[in-house]
Amino acid sequence: MKAVFLINTERGKERLVRGILSAKGFEAHTIPGPYNVLAEIKVSGYEEKDARLEEIKKIKEVKTVVADLLGT
């Protein structure tokens, strides 16, 4: 199952988030809009101990959504 992340984040961090997600094999796009993260996601393959996922969690704009997806 492939996840598609639609991300609106702080200027300059969108490439970082896209790059991290792309490295994990997920498709990610930045979008315009008033929301920090807008996501339509089918999630599989996440590993909480994955260092790159920890980097994603550190980014304030996506932290809540990623944590919600993981059920943490």
Protein backbone atom coordinates (compact mmCIF):
# COMPACT_ATOMS: atom_id res chain seq x y z
CA MET A 1 0.00 0.00 0.00
CA LYS A 2 1.41 3.39 -0.94
CA ALA A 3 0.85 6.51 1.11
CA VAL A 4 0.36 9.86 -0.53
CA PHE A 5 1.20 12.83 1.65
CA LEU A 6 -0.05 16.29 0.75
CA ILE A 7 2.03 18.69 2.78
CA ASN A 8 1.83 22.39 3.52
CA THR A 9 4.62 23.30 5.88
CA GLU A 10 6.98 26.06 6.93
CA ARG A 11 8.85 27.60 4.01
CA GLY A 12 12.13 25.81 3.46
CA LYS A 13 11.12 22.60 5.23
CA GLU A 14 8.84 21.18 2.54
CA ARG A 15 11.79 19.77 0.60
CA LEU A 16 13.13 18.10 3.73
CA VAL A 17 9.79 16.47 4.46
CA ARG A 18 9.27 15.40 0.82
CA GLY A 19 12.80 14.01 0.67
CA ILE A 20 12.43 11.99 3.85
CA LEU A 21 9.08 10.54 2.75
CA SER A 22 10.37 9.83 -0.76
CA ALA A 23 13.34 7.98 0.70
CA LYS A 24 10.84 5.79 2.54
CA GLY A 25 9.13 5.02 -0.78
CA PHE A 26 6.12 7.26 -0.24
CA GLU A 27 4.81 9.88 -2.62
CA ALA A 28 4.70 13.39 -1.18
CA HIS A 29 3.64 16.72 -2.64
CA THR A 30 3.56 20.21 -1.21
CA ILE A 31 0.29 22.08 -1.58
CA PRO A 32 -0.96 25.62 -1.03
CA GLY A 33 -3.45 26.16 1.74
CA PRO A 34 -4.07 27.27 5.29
CA TYR A 35 -3.50 23.82 6.80
CA ASN A 36 -0.24 22.57 8.24
CA VAL A 37 -0.80 19.12 6.85
CA LEU A 38 -3.61 17.90 4.65
CA ALA A 39 -3.37 14.19 4.10
CA GLU A 40 -5.20 11.42 2.35
CA ILE A 41 -3.14 8.49 3.44
CA LYS A 42 -3.12 4.72 3.34
CA VAL A 43 -0.36 3.86 5.76
CA SER A 44 1.82 0.81 5.85
CA GLY A 45 5.48 0.12 6.40
CA TYR A 46 6.08 2.62 9.18
CA GLU A 47 8.64 1.73 11.77
CA GLU A 48 8.66 3.89 14.88
CA LYS A 49 12.36 3.29 15.40
CA ASP A 50 13.20 4.55 11.89
CA ALA A 51 15.55 7.52 12.30
CA ARG A 52 14.03 9.34 9.34
CA LEU A 53 10.58 9.03 10.88
CA GLU A 54 11.99 10.58 14.05
CA GLU A 55 13.21 13.50 11.92
CA ILE A 56 9.72 13.91 10.49
CA LYS A 57 8.24 13.93 13.99
CA LYS A 58 10.58 16.75 14.99
CA ILE A 59 9.09 19.05 12.38
CA LYS A 60 6.36 20.85 14.25
CA GLU A 61 3.93 21.12 11.33
CA VAL A 62 3.71 17.39 10.73
CA LYS A 63 4.32 16.03 14.22
CA THR A 64 0.68 15.65 15.26
CA VAL A 65 -0.48 14.03 12.04
CA VAL A 66 2.42 11.58 11.91
CA ALA A 67 1.89 10.69 15.57
CA ASP A 68 -1.84 10.19 14.91
CA LEU A 69 -1.09 7.91 11.97
CA LEU A 70 1.18 5.82 14.14
CA GLY A 71 -1.29 5.78 17.00
CA THR A 72 1.28 7.27 19.37
